[in-house]
Amino acid sequence: MNPPRNPKPDDSGLRSASLLLAIPTLLLVSPLVGFFLGRFADQHFGTAPWLSFVGLVLGFIAAGREIYFIIRRVQAEEEGDKRR
């Protein structure tokens, strides 16, 4: 007899890789969005360059927070795979 086939291929490695590949995008996009929103607010309120700087810092903080959660999610998935 043939051994039973696994009906669902193990794609956890591919999922982890895709999550980790999102990190460089987050590091680039989040601070840029924060900067440009701050720049827009600077033009509106006449506070240049303060709100641009605040937006940039908030963008880096947001990116760091998301990266932290991505890494925790990947580690949890790897722990789950090791237990199987």
PDB file of N, CA and C in Angstrom:
ATOM      1  N   MET A   1       0.829  -1.181   0.000  1.00  0.00           N
ATOM      2  CA  MET A   1       0.000   0.000   0.000  1.00  0.00           C
ATOM      3  C   MET A   1       0.871   1.241   0.000  1.00  0.00           C
ATOM      4  N   ASN A   2       0.306   2.262  -0.568  1.00  0.00           N
ATOM      5  CA  ASN A   2       0.999   3.553  -0.592  1.00  0.00           C
ATOM      6  C   ASN A   2       0.794   4.276   0.729  1.00  0.00           C
ATOM      7  N   PRO A   3       1.791   5.033   1.178  1.00  0.00           N
ATOM      8  CA  PRO A   3       1.608   5.804   2.417  1.00  0.00           C
ATOM      9  C   PRO A   3       0.578   6.906   2.190  1.00  0.00           C
ATOM     10  N   PRO A   4      -0.155   7.278   3.230  1.00  0.00           N
ATOM     11  CA  PRO A   4      -1.168   8.339   3.053  1.00  0.00           C
ATOM     12  C   PRO A   4      -0.508   9.663   2.709  1.00  0.00           C
ATOM     13  N   ARG A   5      -1.125  10.370   1.815  1.00  0.00           N
ATOM     14  CA  ARG A   5      -0.596  11.662   1.379  1.00  0.00           C
ATOM     15  C   ARG A   5      -1.098  12.760   2.300  1.00  0.00           C
ATOM     16  N   ASN A   6      -0.263  13.743   2.470  1.00  0.00           N
ATOM     17  CA  ASN A   6      -0.635  14.897   3.267  1.00  0.00           C
ATOM     18  C   ASN A   6      -1.510  15.793   2.390  1.00  0.00           C
ATOM     19  N   PRO A   7      -2.795  15.951   2.699  1.00  0.00           N
ATOM     20  CA  PRO A   7      -3.678  16.723   1.822  1.00  0.00           C
ATOM     21  C   PRO A   7      -3.351  18.213   1.821  1.00  0.00           C
ATOM     22  N   LYS A   8      -2.758  18.708   2.883  1.00  0.00           N
ATOM     23  CA  LYS A   8      -2.442  20.132   2.955  1.00  0.00           C
ATOM     24  C   LYS A   8      -0.924  20.302   3.057  1.00  0.00           C
ATOM     25  N   PRO A   9      -0.303  20.936   2.063  1.00  0.00           N
ATOM     26  CA  PRO A   9       1.146  21.114   2.140  1.00  0.00           C
ATOM     27  C   PRO A   9       1.508  22.084   3.264  1.00  0.00           C
ATOM     28  N   ASP A  10       2.678  21.876   3.840  1.00  0.00           N
ATOM     29  CA  ASP A  10       3.151  22.727   4.933  1.00  0.00           C
ATOM     30  C   ASP A  10       3.717  24.013   4.337  1.00  0.00           C
ATOM     31  N   ASP A  11       2.980  25.104   4.484  1.00  0.00           N
ATOM     32  CA  ASP A  11       3.420  26.383   3.939  1.00  0.00           C
ATOM     33  C   ASP A  11       3.788  27.373   5.036  1.00  0.00           C
ATOM     34  N   SER A  12       4.074  26.866   6.235  1.00  0.00           N
ATOM     35  CA  SER A  12       4.390  27.763   7.352  1.00  0.00           C
ATOM     36  C   SER A  12       5.701  28.511   7.114  1.00  0.00           C
ATOM     37  N   GLY A  13       6.666  27.872   6.470  1.00  0.00           N
ATOM     38  CA  GLY A  13       7.924  28.551   6.174  1.00  0.00           C
ATOM     39  C   GLY A  13       7.726  29.701   5.204  1.00  0.00           C
ATOM     40  N   LEU A  14       6.890  29.486   4.219  1.00  0.00           N
ATOM     41  CA  LEU A  14       6.595  30.540   3.256  1.00  0.00           C
ATOM     42  C   LEU A  14       5.850  31.691   3.914  1.00  0.00           C
ATOM     43  N   ARG A  15       4.945  31.374   4.826  1.00  0.00           N
ATOM     44  CA  ARG A  15       4.207  32.417   5.549  1.00  0.00           C
ATOM     45  C   ARG A  15       5.156  33.228   6.423  1.00  0.00           C
ATOM     46  N   SER A  16       6.050  32.562   7.124  1.00  0.00           N
ATOM     47  CA  SER A  16       7.019  33.268   7.969  1.00  0.00           C
ATOM     48  C   SER A  16       7.913  34.173   7.130  1.00  0.00           C
ATOM     49  N   ALA A  17       8.356  33.671   5.988  1.00  0.00           N
ATOM     50  CA  ALA A  17       9.209  34.477   5.122  1.00  0.00           C
ATOM     51  C   ALA A  17       8.475  35.706   4.613  1.00  0.00           C
ATOM     52  N   SER A  18       7.217  35.546   4.259  1.00  0.00           N
ATOM     53  CA  SER A  18       6.473  36.701   3.757  1.00  0.00           C
ATOM     54  C   SER A  18       6.246  37.730   4.852  1.00  0.00           C
ATOM     55  N   LEU A  19       5.991  37.274   6.073  1.00  0.00           N
ATOM     56  CA  LEU A  19       5.841  38.215   7.178  1.00  0.00           C
ATOM     57  C   LEU A  19       7.140  38.966   7.441  1.00  0.00           C
ATOM     58  N   LEU A  20       8.261  38.261   7.400  1.00  0.00           N
ATOM     59  CA  LEU A  20       9.545  38.905   7.659  1.00  0.00           C
ATOM     60  C   LEU A  20       9.962  39.840   6.522  1.00  0.00           C
ATOM     61  N   LEU A  21       9.519  39.550   5.311  1.00  0.00           N
ATOM     62  CA  LEU A  21       9.826  40.437   4.187  1.00  0.00           C
ATOM     63  C   LEU A  21       9.022  41.726   4.233  1.00  0.00           C
ATOM     64  N   ALA A  22       7.995  41.783   5.047  1.00  0.00           N
ATOM     65  CA  ALA A  22       7.217  43.013   5.200  1.00  0.00           C
ATOM     66  C   ALA A  22       7.958  44.046   6.043  1.00  0.00           C
ATOM     67  N   ILE A  23       8.955  43.620   6.795  1.00  0.00           N
ATOM     68  CA  ILE A  23       9.663  44.523   7.700  1.00  0.00           C
ATOM     69  C   ILE A  23      10.362  45.665   6.960  1.00  0.00           C
ATOM     70  N   PRO A  24      11.136  45.411   5.895  1.00  0.00           N
ATOM     71  CA  PRO A  24      11.767  46.553   5.208  1.00  0.00           C
ATOM     72  C   PRO A  24      10.750  47.543   4.643  1.00  0.00           C
ATOM     73  N   THR A  25       9.620  47.039   4.179  1.00  0.00           N
ATOM     74  CA  THR A  25       8.577  47.922   3.668  1.00  0.00           C
ATOM     75  C   THR A  25       8.035  48.804   4.784  1.00  0.00           C
ATOM     76  N   LEU A  26       7.813  48.221   5.945  1.00  0.00           N
ATOM     77  CA  LEU A  26       7.333  49.007   7.083  1.00  0.00           C
ATOM     78  C   LEU A  26       8.340  50.076   7.486  1.00  0.00           C
ATOM     79  N   LEU A  27       9.623  49.723   7.472  1.00  0.00           N
ATOM     80  CA  LEU A  27      10.657  50.681   7.867  1.00  0.00           C
ATOM     81  C   LEU A  27      10.762  51.841   6.884  1.00  0.00           C
ATOM     82  N   LEU A  28      10.325  51.633   5.666  1.00  0.00           N
ATOM     83  CA  LEU A  28      10.390  52.695   4.665  1.00  0.00           C
ATOM     84  C   LEU A  28       9.099  53.499   4.604  1.00  0.00           C
ATOM     85  N   VAL A  29       7.980  52.820   4.555  1.00  0.00           N
ATOM     86  CA  VAL A  29       6.704  53.487   4.305  1.00  0.00           C
ATOM     87  C   VAL A  29       6.188  54.254   5.521  1.00  0.00           C
ATOM     88  N   SER A  30       6.236  53.664   6.699  1.00  0.00           N
ATOM     89  CA  SER A  30       5.663  54.314   7.880  1.00  0.00           C
ATOM     90  C   SER A  30       6.292  55.675   8.183  1.00  0.00           C
ATOM     91  N   PRO A  31       7.626  55.789   8.228  1.00  0.00           N
ATOM     92  CA  PRO A  31       8.195  57.119   8.479  1.00  0.00           C
ATOM     93  C   PRO A  31       7.899  58.119   7.359  1.00  0.00           C
ATOM     94  N   LEU A  32       7.848  57.646   6.116  1.00  0.00           N
ATOM     95  CA  LEU A  32       7.536  58.558   5.018  1.00  0.00           C
ATOM     96  C   LEU A  32       6.111  59.094   5.126  1.00  0.00           C
ATOM     97  N   VAL A  33       5.180  58.225   5.452  1.00  0.00           N
ATOM     98  CA  VAL A  33       3.797  58.675   5.615  1.00  0.00           C
ATOM     99  C   VAL A  33       3.710  59.675   6.757  1.00  0.00           C
ATOM    100  N   GLY A  34       4.367  59.371   7.870  1.00  0.00           N
ATOM    101  CA  GLY A  34       4.368  60.294   8.994  1.00  0.00           C
ATOM    102  C   GLY A  34       4.986  61.634   8.644  1.00  0.00           C
ATOM    103  N   PHE A  35       6.091  61.601   7.903  1.00  0.00           N
ATOM    104  CA  PHE A  35       6.752  62.847   7.508  1.00  0.00           C
ATOM    105  C   PHE A  35       5.855  63.698   6.620  1.00  0.00           C
ATOM    106  N   PHE A  36       5.255  63.074   5.611  1.00  0.00           N
ATOM    107  CA  PHE A  36       4.432  63.850   4.683  1.00  0.00           C
ATOM    108  C   PHE A  36       3.141  64.353   5.326  1.00  0.00           C
ATOM    109  N   LEU A  37       2.581  63.575   6.245  1.00  0.00           N
ATOM    110  CA  LEU A  37       1.417  64.085   6.980  1.00  0.00           C
ATOM    111  C   LEU A  37       1.831  65.262   7.864  1.00  0.00           C
ATOM    112  N   GLY A  38       3.000  65.149   8.502  1.00  0.00           N
ATOM    113  CA  GLY A  38       3.503  66.258   9.304  1.00  0.00           C
ATOM    114  C   GLY A  38       3.820  67.476   8.456  1.00  0.00           C
ATOM    115  N   ARG A  39       4.348  67.253   7.274  1.00  0.00           N
ATOM    116  CA  ARG A  39       4.656  68.367   6.365  1.00  0.00           C
ATOM    117  C   ARG A  39       3.374  69.075   5.931  1.00  0.00           C
ATOM    118  N   PHE A  40       2.347  68.291   5.637  1.00  0.00           N
ATOM    119  CA  PHE A  40       1.060  68.874   5.283  1.00  0.00           C
ATOM    120  C   PHE A  40       0.522  69.715   6.440  1.00  0.00           C
ATOM    121  N   ALA A  41       0.623  69.182   7.658  1.00  0.00           N
ATOM    122  CA  ALA A  41       0.152  69.919   8.833  1.00  0.00           C
ATOM    123  C   ALA A  41       0.999  71.175   9.057  1.00  0.00           C
ATOM    124  N   ASP A  42       2.302  71.091   8.792  1.00  0.00           N
ATOM    125  CA  ASP A  42       3.179  72.262   8.908  1.00  0.00           C
ATOM    126  C   ASP A  42       2.730  73.372   7.959  1.00  0.00           C
ATOM    127  N   GLN A  43       2.398  73.013   6.740  1.00  0.00           N
ATOM    128  CA  GLN A  43       1.957  74.014   5.767  1.00  0.00           C
ATOM    129  C   GLN A  43       0.623  74.619   6.187  1.00  0.00           C
ATOM    130  N   HIS A  44      -0.217  73.813   6.763  1.00  0.00           N
ATOM    131  CA  HIS A  44      -1.543  74.279   7.175  1.00  0.00           C
ATOM    132  C   HIS A  44      -1.462  75.198   8.397  1.00  0.00           C
ATOM    133  N   PHE A  45      -0.631  74.819   9.362  1.00  0.00           N
ATOM    134  CA  PHE A  45      -0.551  75.576  10.608  1.00  0.00           C
ATOM    135  C   PHE A  45       0.631  76.541  10.678  1.00  0.00           C
ATOM    136  N   GLY A  46       1.556  76.469   9.727  1.00  0.00           N
ATOM    137  CA  GLY A  46       2.719  77.347   9.715  1.00  0.00           C
ATOM    138  C   GLY A  46       3.710  77.051  10.833  1.00  0.00           C
ATOM    139  N   THR A  47       3.904  75.773  11.135  1.00  0.00           N
ATOM    140  CA  THR A  47       4.791  75.388  12.231  1.00  0.00           C
ATOM    141  C   THR A  47       6.060  74.694  11.761  1.00  0.00           C
ATOM    142  N   ALA A  48       6.437  74.882  10.518  1.00  0.00           N
ATOM    143  CA  ALA A  48       7.583  74.159   9.940  1.00  0.00           C
ATOM    144  C   ALA A  48       8.819  74.338  10.788  1.00  0.00           C
ATOM    145  N   PRO A  49       9.615  73.366  10.962  1.00  0.00           N
ATOM    146  CA  PRO A  49       9.600  71.945  10.578  1.00  0.00           C
ATOM    147  C   PRO A  49       9.140  71.023  11.684  1.00  0.00           C
ATOM    148  N   TRP A  50       8.483  71.545  12.702  1.00  0.00           N
ATOM    149  CA  TRP A  50       8.215  70.772  13.909  1.00  0.00           C
ATOM    150  C   TRP A  50       7.267  69.596  13.681  1.00  0.00           C
ATOM    151  N   LEU A  51       6.170  69.803  13.020  1.00  0.00           N
ATOM    152  CA  LEU A  51       5.227  68.699  12.838  1.00  0.00           C
ATOM    153  C   LEU A  51       5.761  67.646  11.860  1.00  0.00           C
ATOM    154  N   SER A  52       6.622  68.070  10.930  1.00  0.00           N
ATOM    155  CA  SER A  52       7.278  67.091  10.052  1.00  0.00           C
ATOM    156  C   SER A  52       8.152  66.156  10.869  1.00  0.00           C
ATOM    157  N   PHE A  53       8.893  66.726  11.799  1.00  0.00           N
ATOM    158  CA  PHE A  53       9.755  65.926  12.663  1.00  0.00           C
ATOM    159  C   PHE A  53       8.924  65.010  13.556  1.00  0.00           C
ATOM    160  N   VAL A  54       7.858  65.537  14.130  1.00  0.00           N
ATOM    161  CA  VAL A  54       6.982  64.720  14.983  1.00  0.00           C
ATOM    162  C   VAL A  54       6.376  63.577  14.165  1.00  0.00           C
ATOM    163  N   GLY A  55       5.929  63.860  12.956  1.00  0.00           N
ATOM    164  CA  GLY A  55       5.364  62.820  12.097  1.00  0.00           C
ATOM    165  C   GLY A  55       6.386  61.753  11.757  1.00  0.00           C
ATOM    166  N   LEU A  56       7.622  62.156  11.497  1.00  0.00           N
ATOM    167  CA  LEU A  56       8.689  61.200  11.196  1.00  0.00           C
ATOM    168  C   LEU A  56       8.947  60.289  12.395  1.00  0.00           C
ATOM    169  N   VAL A  57       9.044  60.886  13.577  1.00  0.00           N
ATOM    170  CA  VAL A  57       9.283  60.094  14.788  1.00  0.00           C
ATOM    171  C   VAL A  57       8.115  59.142  15.045  1.00  0.00           C
ATOM    172  N   LEU A  58       6.891  59.630  14.906  1.00  0.00           N
ATOM    173  CA  LEU A  58       5.730  58.764  15.097  1.00  0.00           C
ATOM    174  C   LEU A  58       5.686  57.635  14.059  1.00  0.00           C
ATOM    175  N   GLY A  59       6.152  57.923  12.846  1.00  0.00           N
ATOM    176  CA  GLY A  59       6.228  56.877  11.817  1.00  0.00           C
ATOM    177  C   GLY A  59       7.211  55.781  12.200  1.00  0.00           C
ATOM    178  N   PHE A  60       8.368  56.171  12.745  1.00  0.00           N
ATOM    179  CA  PHE A  60       9.335  55.171  13.194  1.00  0.00           C
ATOM    180  C   PHE A  60       8.791  54.369  14.380  1.00  0.00           C
ATOM    181  N   ILE A  61       8.094  55.034  15.277  1.00  0.00           N
ATOM    182  CA  ILE A  61       7.506  54.331  16.423  1.00  0.00           C
ATOM    183  C   ILE A  61       6.449  53.336  15.942  1.00  0.00           C
ATOM    184  N   ALA A  62       5.622  53.749  15.010  1.00  0.00           N
ATOM    185  CA  ALA A  62       4.590  52.851  14.475  1.00  0.00           C
ATOM    186  C   ALA A  62       5.221  51.654  13.765  1.00  0.00           C
ATOM    187  N   ALA A  63       6.289  51.903  13.000  1.00  0.00           N
ATOM    188  CA  ALA A  63       6.974  50.809  12.314  1.00  0.00           C
ATOM    189  C   ALA A  63       7.594  49.852  13.324  1.00  0.00           C
ATOM    190  N   GLY A  64       8.215  50.379  14.359  1.00  0.00           N
ATOM    191  CA  GLY A  64       8.820  49.524  15.377  1.00  0.00           C
ATOM    192  C   GLY A  64       7.797  48.672  16.091  1.00  0.00           C
ATOM    193  N   ARG A  65       6.653  49.241  16.365  1.00  0.00           N
ATOM    194  CA  ARG A  65       5.584  48.501  17.033  1.00  0.00           C
ATOM    195  C   ARG A  65       5.084  47.356  16.145  1.00  0.00           C
ATOM    196  N   GLU A  66       4.859  47.639  14.884  1.00  0.00           N
ATOM    197  CA  GLU A  66       4.391  46.595  13.967  1.00  0.00           C
ATOM    198  C   GLU A  66       5.441  45.506  13.788  1.00  0.00           C
ATOM    199  N   ILE A  67       6.706  45.890  13.708  1.00  0.00           N
ATOM    200  CA  ILE A  67       7.773  44.907  13.555  1.00  0.00           C
ATOM    201  C   ILE A  67       7.836  44.004  14.784  1.00  0.00           C
ATOM    202  N   TYR A  68       7.669  44.592  15.959  1.00  0.00           N
ATOM    203  CA  TYR A  68       7.652  43.800  17.186  1.00  0.00           C
ATOM    204  C   TYR A  68       6.541  42.749  17.137  1.00  0.00           C
ATOM    205  N   PHE A  69       5.346  43.147  16.701  1.00  0.00           N
ATOM    206  CA  PHE A  69       4.237  42.203  16.630  1.00  0.00           C
ATOM    207  C   PHE A  69       4.454  41.147  15.547  1.00  0.00           C
ATOM    208  N   ILE A  70       5.076  41.517  14.441  1.00  0.00           N
ATOM    209  CA  ILE A  70       5.371  40.538  13.383  1.00  0.00           C
ATOM    210  C   ILE A  70       6.347  39.493  13.896  1.00  0.00           C
ATOM    211  N   ILE A  71       7.402  39.942  14.571  1.00  0.00           N
ATOM    212  CA  ILE A  71       8.396  38.999  15.081  1.00  0.00           C
ATOM    213  C   ILE A  71       7.777  38.071  16.120  1.00  0.00           C
ATOM    214  N   ARG A  72       6.927  38.609  16.986  1.00  0.00           N
ATOM    215  CA  ARG A  72       6.250  37.752  17.971  1.00  0.00           C
ATOM    216  C   ARG A  72       5.360  36.723  17.281  1.00  0.00           C
ATOM    217  N   ARG A  73       4.660  37.123  16.223  1.00  0.00           N
ATOM    218  CA  ARG A  73       3.781  36.206  15.501  1.00  0.00           C
ATOM    219  C   ARG A  73       4.591  35.094  14.832  1.00  0.00           C
ATOM    220  N   VAL A  74       5.715  35.451  14.208  1.00  0.00           N
ATOM    221  CA  VAL A  74       6.560  34.451  13.549  1.00  0.00           C
ATOM    222  C   VAL A  74       7.128  33.483  14.580  1.00  0.00           C
ATOM    223  N   GLN A  75       7.594  33.998  15.720  1.00  0.00           N
ATOM    224  CA  GLN A  75       8.127  33.120  16.759  1.00  0.00           C
ATOM    225  C   GLN A  75       7.061  32.187  17.299  1.00  0.00           C
ATOM    226  N   ALA A  76       5.846  32.675  17.476  1.00  0.00           N
ATOM    227  CA  ALA A  76       4.759  31.825  17.966  1.00  0.00           C
ATOM    228  C   ALA A  76       4.441  30.730  16.958  1.00  0.00           C
ATOM    229  N   GLU A  77       4.456  31.052  15.676  1.00  0.00           N
ATOM    230  CA  GLU A  77       4.193  30.038  14.655  1.00  0.00           C
ATOM    231  C   GLU A  77       5.299  29.000  14.625  1.00  0.00           C
ATOM    232  N   GLU A  78       6.552  29.430  14.797  1.00  0.00           N
ATOM    233  CA  GLU A  78       7.658  28.477  14.803  1.00  0.00           C
ATOM    234  C   GLU A  78       7.587  27.570  16.018  1.00  0.00           C
ATOM    235  N   GLU A  79       7.184  28.105  17.171  1.00  0.00           N
ATOM    236  CA  GLU A  79       7.011  27.277  18.368  1.00  0.00           C
ATOM    237  C   GLU A  79       5.895  26.264  18.141  1.00  0.00           C
ATOM    238  N   GLY A  80       4.833  26.679  17.490  1.00  0.00           N
ATOM    239  CA  GLY A  80       3.742  25.757  17.200  1.00  0.00           C
ATOM    240  C   GLY A  80       4.170  24.650  16.251  1.00  0.00           C
ATOM    241  N   ASP A  81       5.037  24.970  15.289  1.00  0.00           N
ATOM    242  CA  ASP A  81       5.528  23.966  14.355  1.00  0.00           C
ATOM    243  C   ASP A  81       6.463  22.974  15.037  1.00  0.00           C
ATOM    244  N   LYS A  82       7.227  23.426  16.006  1.00  0.00           N
ATOM    245  CA  LYS A  82       8.160  22.532  16.706  1.00  0.00           C
ATOM    246  C   LYS A  82       7.427  21.531  17.572  1.00  0.00           C
ATOM    247  N   ARG A  83       6.245  21.896  18.046  1.00  0.00           N
ATOM    248  CA  ARG A  83       5.479  21.008  18.919  1.00  0.00           C
ATOM    249  C   ARG A  83       4.752  19.919  18.150  1.00  0.00           C
ATOM    250  N   ARG A  84       4.608  20.064  16.860  1.00  0.00           N
ATOM    251  CA  ARG A  84       3.880  19.073  16.058  1.00  0.00           C
ATOM    252  C   ARG A  84       4.699  17.861  15.771  1.00  0.00           C
TER     253      ARG A  84
END
